[in-house]
């Protein structure tokens, strides 16, 4: 039987953990800025995502970066009905 880490919910994320997403390397052919935005969206809660975006933009990164299909992160998040409201509100603060 494989060992697994127990699930934890609503834990507080440290700055180190949140900002480590800024260093995510993209797969071949994917814009690095889009990859960071997408990868963080898939793993973070909206309040942690907002913290990340503050540092992301301070580092001069592109909030309007696109994926290989030409979609911005706003477009991709809008396809997730259960999660879109919180994340799109966060993105609107930075628009």
Protein backbone atom coordinates (compact mmCIF):
# COMPACT_ATOMS: atom_id res chain seq x y z
CA UNK A 1 0.00 0.00 0.00
CA UNK A 2 1.33 3.44 -0.90
CA UNK A 3 1.77 6.05 1.75
CA UNK A 4 0.06 9.34 1.18
CA UNK A 5 -0.04 12.69 2.87
CA UNK A 6 -3.30 13.38 4.69
CA UNK A 7 -5.49 16.03 3.10
CA UNK A 8 -5.46 19.42 4.79
CA UNK A 9 -7.91 22.19 4.14
CA UNK A 10 -7.85 25.92 4.80
CA UNK A 11 -4.27 25.86 5.98
CA UNK A 12 -2.39 29.15 5.89
CA UNK A 13 0.16 29.28 3.07
CA UNK A 14 3.49 30.94 3.82
CA UNK A 15 4.89 33.62 1.53
CA UNK A 16 7.64 31.18 0.58
CA UNK A 17 5.11 28.61 -0.57
CA UNK A 18 2.98 31.12 -2.50
CA UNK A 19 5.89 32.87 -4.18
CA UNK A 20 7.60 29.59 -5.13
CA UNK A 21 5.01 29.40 -7.93
CA UNK A 22 6.79 32.32 -9.60
CA UNK A 23 9.64 29.94 -10.39
CA UNK A 24 7.54 27.24 -12.10
CA UNK A 25 9.05 26.24 -15.42
CA UNK A 26 6.61 25.81 -18.30
CA UNK A 27 6.34 22.86 -20.63
CA UNK A 28 7.82 23.37 -24.08
CA UNK A 29 5.73 25.78 -26.13
CA UNK A 30 3.89 27.34 -23.18
CA UNK A 31 4.43 30.98 -22.19
CA UNK A 32 6.19 31.09 -18.80
CA UNK A 33 3.94 33.84 -17.43
CA UNK A 34 0.77 32.04 -18.49
CA UNK A 35 2.06 28.82 -16.96
CA UNK A 36 2.64 30.48 -13.59
CA UNK A 37 -0.84 32.03 -13.62
CA UNK A 38 -2.55 28.80 -14.62
CA UNK A 39 -0.58 26.52 -12.31
CA UNK A 40 -1.23 28.82 -9.34
CA UNK A 41 -4.95 29.04 -10.20
CA UNK A 42 -5.23 25.25 -10.17
CA UNK A 43 -3.62 24.94 -6.71
CA UNK A 44 -4.38 28.11 -4.73
CA UNK A 45 -7.32 29.75 -3.08
CA UNK A 46 -8.28 33.21 -4.32
CA UNK A 47 -6.64 35.06 -1.40
CA UNK A 48 -3.32 33.28 -1.99
CA UNK A 49 -3.66 33.93 -5.73
CA UNK A 50 -4.02 37.63 -4.98
CA UNK A 51 -0.80 37.56 -2.95
CA UNK A 52 0.96 35.85 -5.85
CA UNK A 53 -0.33 38.38 -8.39
CA UNK A 54 1.06 41.26 -6.35
CA UNK A 55 4.57 39.78 -6.61
CA UNK A 56 4.00 38.60 -10.19
CA UNK A 57 3.26 42.12 -11.39
CA UNK A 58 5.97 43.69 -9.22
CA UNK A 59 8.42 41.44 -11.06
CA UNK A 60 7.24 42.91 -14.38
CA UNK A 61 5.48 39.77 -15.57
CA UNK A 62 2.61 39.76 -18.07
CA UNK A 63 -0.92 39.28 -16.72
CA UNK A 64 -2.17 39.14 -20.32
CA UNK A 65 0.12 36.29 -21.39
CA UNK A 66 -1.62 33.64 -23.48
CA UNK A 67 -1.54 29.88 -23.74
CA UNK A 68 -0.80 28.14 -27.06
CA UNK A 69 -4.50 28.43 -27.96
CA UNK A 70 -4.36 32.22 -27.56
CA UNK A 71 -6.38 32.35 -24.34
CA UNK A 72 -5.53 34.65 -21.44
CA UNK A 73 -5.84 33.36 -17.88
CA UNK A 74 -9.13 35.28 -17.58
CA UNK A 75 -10.56 33.24 -20.46
CA UNK A 76 -9.44 29.93 -18.99
CA UNK A 77 -10.73 30.67 -15.49
CA UNK A 78 -14.12 31.68 -16.91
CA UNK A 79 -14.51 28.06 -18.07
CA UNK A 80 -14.58 26.82 -14.46
CA UNK A 81 -18.04 27.76 -13.13
CA UNK A 82 -17.44 26.62 -9.54
CA UNK A 83 -14.21 28.60 -9.14
CA UNK A 84 -14.44 31.52 -11.51
CA UNK A 85 -16.13 34.13 -9.31
CA UNK A 86 -13.43 34.44 -6.64
CA UNK A 87 -10.55 34.27 -9.08
CA UNK A 88 -12.04 36.62 -11.65
CA UNK A 89 -12.70 39.15 -8.87
CA UNK A 90 -9.05 38.92 -7.86
CA UNK A 91 -7.89 39.41 -11.46
CA UNK A 92 -10.19 42.43 -11.84
CA UNK A 93 -8.31 44.15 -9.00
CA UNK A 94 -5.17 44.04 -11.12
CA UNK A 95 -6.69 44.94 -14.50
